[in-house]
Amino acid sequence: MRTLCSSTLIGEALLILFAALVATQLSDVSPATVWTVSGIAMVLCIALCGMINRPGAVPVGWALQIGLIASGFILPTMFALGVVFAGLWWCSVHYGRKVDEFKAARAAAEAAAPTA
């Protein structure tokens, strides 16, 4: 799960950077606001990468995704990115947990199997 979630968050941080570059040129919002909102989101994404295996990291990730969607009221491009990455976050958490459960079951089966 850690690999999937971290990959999603790093990709999200990079796309936020690219979206900020576009928003400064196309948006009627001030560049300072664009870079403040984008900078906070990028720092949170990167900080959360190191906390994935800690208790409460997944709900914090969900709060980040909801925050990105809500920031769409300031920067419309962030709304679209927030929705896309909320879906990717769900997939990362869901399938990451399934892979972790499979690995744990396989390790338990190997430990219980008699050795020849």
N, C-alpha and C. Protein backbone atom coordinates (compact mmCIF):
# COMPACT_ATOMS: atom_id res chain seq x y z
N MET A 1 0.83 -1.19 0.00
CA MET A 1 0.00 0.00 0.00
C MET A 1 0.88 1.25 0.00
N ARG A 2 1.99 1.16 0.71
CA ARG A 2 2.85 2.34 0.80
C ARG A 2 3.34 2.78 -0.58
N THR A 3 3.72 1.83 -1.41
CA THR A 3 4.23 2.16 -2.74
C THR A 3 3.15 2.81 -3.60
N LEU A 4 1.96 2.23 -3.61
CA LEU A 4 0.88 2.79 -4.42
C LEU A 4 0.49 4.18 -3.95
N CYS A 5 0.33 4.36 -2.65
CA CYS A 5 -0.09 5.66 -2.12
C CYS A 5 1.00 6.71 -2.33
N SER A 6 2.25 6.33 -2.11
CA SER A 6 3.34 7.29 -2.31
C SER A 6 3.46 7.70 -3.77
N SER A 7 3.29 6.74 -4.66
CA SER A 7 3.34 7.06 -6.09
C SER A 7 2.22 8.03 -6.47
N THR A 8 1.05 7.79 -5.94
CA THR A 8 -0.07 8.69 -6.21
C THR A 8 0.22 10.09 -5.69
N LEU A 9 0.77 10.18 -4.49
CA LEU A 9 1.03 11.50 -3.89
C LEU A 9 2.15 12.24 -4.62
N ILE A 10 3.19 11.54 -5.05
CA ILE A 10 4.26 12.20 -5.80
C ILE A 10 3.74 12.68 -7.16
N GLY A 11 2.96 11.85 -7.83
CA GLY A 11 2.35 12.27 -9.09
C GLY A 11 1.43 13.46 -8.90
N GLU A 12 0.71 13.44 -7.80
CA GLU A 12 -0.20 14.55 -7.49
C GLU A 12 0.59 15.84 -7.28
N ALA A 13 1.69 15.76 -6.54
CA ALA A 13 2.50 16.96 -6.30
C ALA A 13 3.05 17.52 -7.61
N LEU A 14 3.50 16.64 -8.49
CA LEU A 14 4.03 17.11 -9.78
C LEU A 14 2.94 17.75 -10.64
N LEU A 15 1.77 17.14 -10.68
CA LEU A 15 0.70 17.71 -11.48
C LEU A 15 0.18 19.02 -10.89
N ILE A 16 0.23 19.15 -9.57
CA ILE A 16 -0.16 20.42 -8.96
C ILE A 16 0.83 21.51 -9.40
N LEU A 17 2.11 21.17 -9.45
CA LEU A 17 3.11 22.12 -9.92
C LEU A 17 2.81 22.55 -11.35
N PHE A 18 2.55 21.59 -12.22
CA PHE A 18 2.24 21.92 -13.61
C PHE A 18 0.95 22.73 -13.73
N ALA A 19 -0.05 22.36 -12.92
CA ALA A 19 -1.31 23.11 -12.93
C ALA A 19 -1.11 24.54 -12.45
N ALA A 20 -0.22 24.72 -11.49
CA ALA A 20 0.06 26.08 -10.99
C ALA A 20 0.72 26.93 -12.07
N LEU A 21 1.62 26.30 -12.83
CA LEU A 21 2.27 27.03 -13.92
C LEU A 21 1.24 27.50 -14.95
N VAL A 22 0.30 26.64 -15.26
CA VAL A 22 -0.76 27.00 -16.22
C VAL A 22 -1.70 28.02 -15.61
N ALA A 23 -2.07 27.84 -14.35
CA ALA A 23 -3.02 28.73 -13.71
C ALA A 23 -2.48 30.15 -13.58
N THR A 24 -1.19 30.30 -13.40
CA THR A 24 -0.64 31.66 -13.31
C THR A 24 -0.78 32.40 -14.63
N GLN A 25 -0.81 31.66 -15.73
CA GLN A 25 -0.95 32.30 -17.04
C GLN A 25 -2.40 32.50 -17.47
N LEU A 26 -3.26 31.53 -17.12
CA LEU A 26 -4.62 31.55 -17.66
C LEU A 26 -5.68 32.03 -16.67
N SER A 27 -5.38 31.99 -15.38
CA SER A 27 -6.39 32.30 -14.38
C SER A 27 -6.39 33.80 -14.07
N ASP A 28 -7.54 34.28 -13.63
CA ASP A 28 -7.63 35.68 -13.21
C ASP A 28 -7.30 35.84 -11.72
N VAL A 29 -6.92 34.73 -11.07
CA VAL A 29 -6.49 34.76 -9.68
C VAL A 29 -5.04 35.22 -9.63
N SER A 30 -4.69 35.95 -8.59
CA SER A 30 -3.32 36.48 -8.51
C SER A 30 -2.30 35.35 -8.42
N PRO A 31 -1.13 35.55 -9.01
CA PRO A 31 -0.09 34.52 -8.95
C PRO A 31 0.31 34.15 -7.52
N ALA A 32 0.27 35.12 -6.61
CA ALA A 32 0.61 34.82 -5.21
C ALA A 32 -0.37 33.82 -4.62
N THR A 33 -1.64 33.96 -4.92
CA THR A 33 -2.66 33.02 -4.42
C THR A 33 -2.47 31.65 -5.05
N VAL A 34 -2.20 31.63 -6.35
CA VAL A 34 -1.98 30.36 -7.04
C VAL A 34 -0.82 29.61 -6.41
N TRP A 35 0.31 30.29 -6.20
CA TRP A 35 1.48 29.62 -5.67
C TRP A 35 1.34 29.27 -4.19
N THR A 36 0.57 30.06 -3.45
CA THR A 36 0.34 29.73 -2.04
C THR A 36 -0.48 28.46 -1.91
N VAL A 37 -1.61 28.41 -2.62
CA VAL A 37 -2.48 27.22 -2.56
C VAL A 37 -1.75 26.00 -3.10
N SER A 38 -1.08 26.15 -4.22
CA SER A 38 -0.37 25.03 -4.84
C SER A 38 0.80 24.58 -3.97
N GLY A 39 1.52 25.53 -3.42
CA GLY A 39 2.67 25.19 -2.57
C GLY A 39 2.26 24.41 -1.33
N ILE A 40 1.19 24.84 -0.69
CA ILE A 40 0.70 24.13 0.49
C ILE A 40 0.30 22.71 0.11
N ALA A 41 -0.41 22.56 -0.99
CA ALA A 41 -0.85 21.22 -1.43
C ALA A 41 0.35 20.33 -1.77
N MET A 42 1.35 20.88 -2.44
CA MET A 42 2.53 20.08 -2.80
C MET A 42 3.30 19.64 -1.55
N VAL A 43 3.47 20.54 -0.60
CA VAL A 43 4.18 20.19 0.64
C VAL A 43 3.42 19.12 1.40
N LEU A 44 2.10 19.23 1.46
CA LEU A 44 1.30 18.21 2.15
C LEU A 44 1.41 16.86 1.46
N CYS A 45 1.41 16.85 0.15
CA CYS A 45 1.56 15.58 -0.59
C CYS A 45 2.89 14.91 -0.27
N ILE A 46 3.95 15.68 -0.31
CA ILE A 46 5.27 15.11 -0.08
C ILE A 46 5.43 14.69 1.38
N ALA A 47 4.92 15.48 2.31
CA ALA A 47 5.02 15.12 3.73
C ALA A 47 4.23 13.85 4.03
N LEU A 48 3.09 13.70 3.38
CA LEU A 48 2.26 12.53 3.62
C LEU A 48 2.90 11.25 3.08
N CYS A 49 3.76 11.37 2.09
CA CYS A 49 4.47 10.19 1.56
C CYS A 49 5.25 9.48 2.65
N GLY A 50 5.87 10.23 3.52
CA GLY A 50 6.66 9.63 4.58
C GLY A 50 5.85 9.11 5.75
N MET A 51 4.56 9.38 5.74
CA MET A 51 3.71 8.98 6.87
C MET A 51 2.70 7.89 6.52
N ILE A 52 2.82 7.28 5.36
CA ILE A 52 1.80 6.35 4.87
C ILE A 52 1.54 5.20 5.83
N ASN A 53 2.56 4.63 6.42
CA ASN A 53 2.36 3.47 7.29
C ASN A 53 1.98 3.83 8.71
N ARG A 54 1.88 5.09 9.02
CA ARG A 54 1.50 5.51 10.37
C ARG A 54 -0.01 5.51 10.52
N PRO A 55 -0.47 5.29 11.75
CA PRO A 55 -1.92 5.33 11.98
C PRO A 55 -2.48 6.72 11.64
N GLY A 56 -3.58 6.74 10.98
CA GLY A 56 -4.22 8.00 10.63
C GLY A 56 -3.77 8.61 9.33
N ALA A 57 -2.82 7.99 8.63
CA ALA A 57 -2.32 8.57 7.39
C ALA A 57 -3.36 8.52 6.28
N VAL A 58 -4.12 7.45 6.22
CA VAL A 58 -5.13 7.35 5.15
C VAL A 58 -6.22 8.41 5.32
N PRO A 59 -6.76 8.63 6.54
CA PRO A 59 -7.72 9.73 6.67
C PRO A 59 -7.13 11.10 6.36
N VAL A 60 -5.86 11.30 6.69
CA VAL A 60 -5.21 12.57 6.34
C VAL A 60 -5.11 12.69 4.82
N GLY A 61 -4.84 11.57 4.15
CA GLY A 61 -4.82 11.57 2.68
C GLY A 61 -6.18 11.92 2.10
N TRP A 62 -7.24 11.38 2.71
CA TRP A 62 -8.58 11.74 2.26
C TRP A 62 -8.86 13.22 2.49
N ALA A 63 -8.41 13.75 3.62
CA ALA A 63 -8.60 15.18 3.90
C ALA A 63 -7.86 16.02 2.87
N LEU A 64 -6.67 15.57 2.47
CA LEU A 64 -5.92 16.27 1.43
C LEU A 64 -6.69 16.28 0.12
N GLN A 65 -7.26 15.13 -0.25
CA GLN A 65 -8.01 15.06 -1.50
C GLN A 65 -9.24 15.98 -1.45
N ILE A 66 -9.93 15.98 -0.33
CA ILE A 66 -11.11 16.85 -0.18
C ILE A 66 -10.69 18.31 -0.20
N GLY A 67 -9.54 18.60 0.42
CA GLY A 67 -9.02 19.97 0.39
C GLY A 67 -8.69 20.43 -1.02
N LEU A 68 -8.14 19.52 -1.82
CA LEU A 68 -7.84 19.88 -3.21
C LEU A 68 -9.11 20.14 -4.01
N ILE A 69 -10.11 19.33 -3.77
CA ILE A 69 -11.38 19.56 -4.45
C ILE A 69 -11.96 20.90 -4.02
N ALA A 70 -11.90 21.19 -2.72
CA ALA A 70 -12.43 22.46 -2.21
C ALA A 70 -11.64 23.65 -2.72
N SER A 71 -10.33 23.47 -2.95
CA SER A 71 -9.53 24.58 -3.46
C SER A 71 -9.92 24.93 -4.90
N GLY A 72 -10.74 24.11 -5.50
CA GLY A 72 -11.26 24.40 -6.83
C GLY A 72 -12.13 25.65 -6.85
N PHE A 73 -12.61 26.09 -5.69
CA PHE A 73 -13.37 27.33 -5.64
C PHE A 73 -12.45 28.54 -5.82
N ILE A 74 -11.15 28.34 -5.53
CA ILE A 74 -10.17 29.41 -5.73
C ILE A 74 -9.52 29.25 -7.10
N LEU A 75 -9.06 28.02 -7.39
CA LEU A 75 -8.43 27.71 -8.67
C LEU A 75 -9.21 26.58 -9.34
N PRO A 76 -9.96 26.84 -10.37
CA PRO A 76 -10.78 25.81 -10.99
C PRO A 76 -10.01 24.58 -11.45
N THR A 77 -8.75 24.74 -11.84
CA THR A 77 -7.97 23.57 -12.26
C THR A 77 -7.76 22.60 -11.11
N MET A 78 -7.70 23.11 -9.89
CA MET A 78 -7.51 22.26 -8.73
C MET A 78 -8.73 21.38 -8.48
N PHE A 79 -9.89 21.84 -8.87
CA PHE A 79 -11.09 21.02 -8.71
C PHE A 79 -10.98 19.76 -9.54
N ALA A 80 -10.61 19.91 -10.79
CA ALA A 80 -10.48 18.75 -11.67
C ALA A 80 -9.38 17.82 -11.17
N LEU A 81 -8.24 18.37 -10.78
CA LEU A 81 -7.15 17.54 -10.26
C LEU A 81 -7.56 16.84 -8.98
N GLY A 82 -8.30 17.54 -8.14
CA GLY A 82 -8.74 16.93 -6.89
C GLY A 82 -9.64 15.73 -7.11
N VAL A 83 -10.55 15.83 -8.06
CA VAL A 83 -11.46 14.73 -8.35
C VAL A 83 -10.69 13.54 -8.93
N VAL A 84 -9.78 13.81 -9.84
CA VAL A 84 -9.00 12.73 -10.45
C VAL A 84 -8.14 12.03 -9.39
N PHE A 85 -7.46 12.81 -8.57
CA PHE A 85 -6.58 12.20 -7.59
C PHE A 85 -7.32 11.60 -6.40
N ALA A 86 -8.53 12.05 -6.14
CA ALA A 86 -9.34 11.36 -5.12
C ALA A 86 -9.65 9.95 -5.60
N GLY A 87 -9.95 9.80 -6.88
CA GLY A 87 -10.17 8.47 -7.43
C GLY A 87 -8.90 7.62 -7.40
N LEU A 88 -7.77 8.22 -7.73
CA LEU A 88 -6.51 7.49 -7.66
C LEU A 88 -6.15 7.13 -6.22
N TRP A 89 -6.45 8.01 -5.28
CA TRP A 89 -6.18 7.73 -3.87
C TRP A 89 -7.02 6.55 -3.41
N TRP A 90 -8.30 6.53 -3.81
CA TRP A 90 -9.16 5.41 -3.44
C TRP A 90 -8.59 4.11 -4.00
N CYS A 91 -8.20 4.12 -5.27
CA CYS A 91 -7.63 2.91 -5.87
C CYS A 91 -6.36 2.48 -5.16
N SER A 92 -5.50 3.42 -4.82
CA SER A 92 -4.24 3.09 -4.14
C SER A 92 -4.50 2.46 -2.78
N VAL A 93 -5.42 3.03 -2.03
CA VAL A 93 -5.73 2.50 -0.69
C VAL A 93 -6.41 1.14 -0.81
N HIS A 94 -7.40 1.05 -1.68
CA HIS A 94 -8.18 -0.19 -1.82
C HIS A 94 -7.30 -1.35 -2.29
N TYR A 95 -6.61 -1.15 -3.40
CA TYR A 95 -5.81 -2.24 -3.96
C TYR A 95 -4.53 -2.45 -3.16
N GLY A 96 -4.00 -1.41 -2.56
CA GLY A 96 -2.84 -1.57 -1.70
C GLY A 96 -3.14 -2.46 -0.51
N ARG A 97 -4.31 -2.28 0.09
CA ARG A 97 -4.70 -3.14 1.21
C ARG A 97 -4.91 -4.58 0.76
N LYS A 98 -5.48 -4.76 -0.42
CA LYS A 98 -5.67 -6.12 -0.95
C LYS A 98 -4.32 -6.81 -1.18
N VAL A 99 -3.37 -6.10 -1.74
CA VAL A 99 -2.05 -6.67 -1.97
C VAL A 99 -1.37 -7.00 -0.64
N ASP A 100 -1.48 -6.09 0.33
CA ASP A 100 -0.89 -6.36 1.65
C ASP A 100 -1.52 -7.58 2.31
N GLU A 101 -2.85 -7.73 2.20
CA GLU A 101 -3.53 -8.90 2.76
C GLU A 101 -3.08 -10.17 2.06
N PHE A 102 -2.93 -10.12 0.74
CA PHE A 102 -2.48 -11.29 -0.02
C PHE A 102 -1.07 -11.69 0.40
N LYS A 103 -0.18 -10.71 0.54
CA LYS A 103 1.19 -11.02 0.95
C LYS A 103 1.22 -11.60 2.35
N ALA A 104 0.40 -11.08 3.25
CA ALA A 104 0.37 -11.61 4.62
C ALA A 104 -0.16 -13.04 4.63
N ALA A 105 -1.21 -13.32 3.84
CA ALA A 105 -1.76 -14.67 3.77
C ALA A 105 -0.75 -15.63 3.16
N ARG A 106 -0.04 -15.20 2.15
CA ARG A 106 0.97 -16.05 1.52
C ARG A 106 2.12 -16.33 2.49
N ALA A 107 2.55 -15.31 3.22
CA ALA A 107 3.63 -15.51 4.19
C ALA A 107 3.20 -16.46 5.31
N ALA A 108 1.94 -16.34 5.74
CA ALA A 108 1.43 -17.24 6.79
C ALA A 108 1.34 -18.67 6.27
N ALA A 109 0.93 -18.83 5.01
CA ALA A 109 0.84 -20.17 4.42
C ALA A 109 2.23 -20.79 4.27
N GLU A 110 3.20 -19.99 3.88
CA GLU A 110 4.56 -20.51 3.75
C GLU A 110 5.15 -20.88 5.11
N ALA A 111 4.80 -20.11 6.13
CA ALA A 111 5.31 -20.39 7.47
C ALA A 111 4.67 -21.65 8.04
N ALA A 112 3.41 -21.91 7.69
CA ALA A 112 2.70 -23.07 8.20
C ALA A 112 3.00 -24.35 7.41
N ALA A 113 3.51 -24.19 6.20
CA ALA A 113 3.78 -25.36 5.36
C ALA A 113 4.98 -26.12 5.91
N PRO A 114 4.88 -27.48 5.89
CA PRO A 114 6.03 -28.26 6.35
C PRO A 114 7.18 -28.17 5.37
N THR A 115 8.36 -28.14 5.92
CA THR A 115 9.54 -28.06 5.05
C THR A 115 10.04 -29.48 4.76
N ALA A 116 10.52 -29.69 3.57
CA ALA A 116 10.96 -31.04 3.17
C ALA A 116 12.40 -31.28 3.47
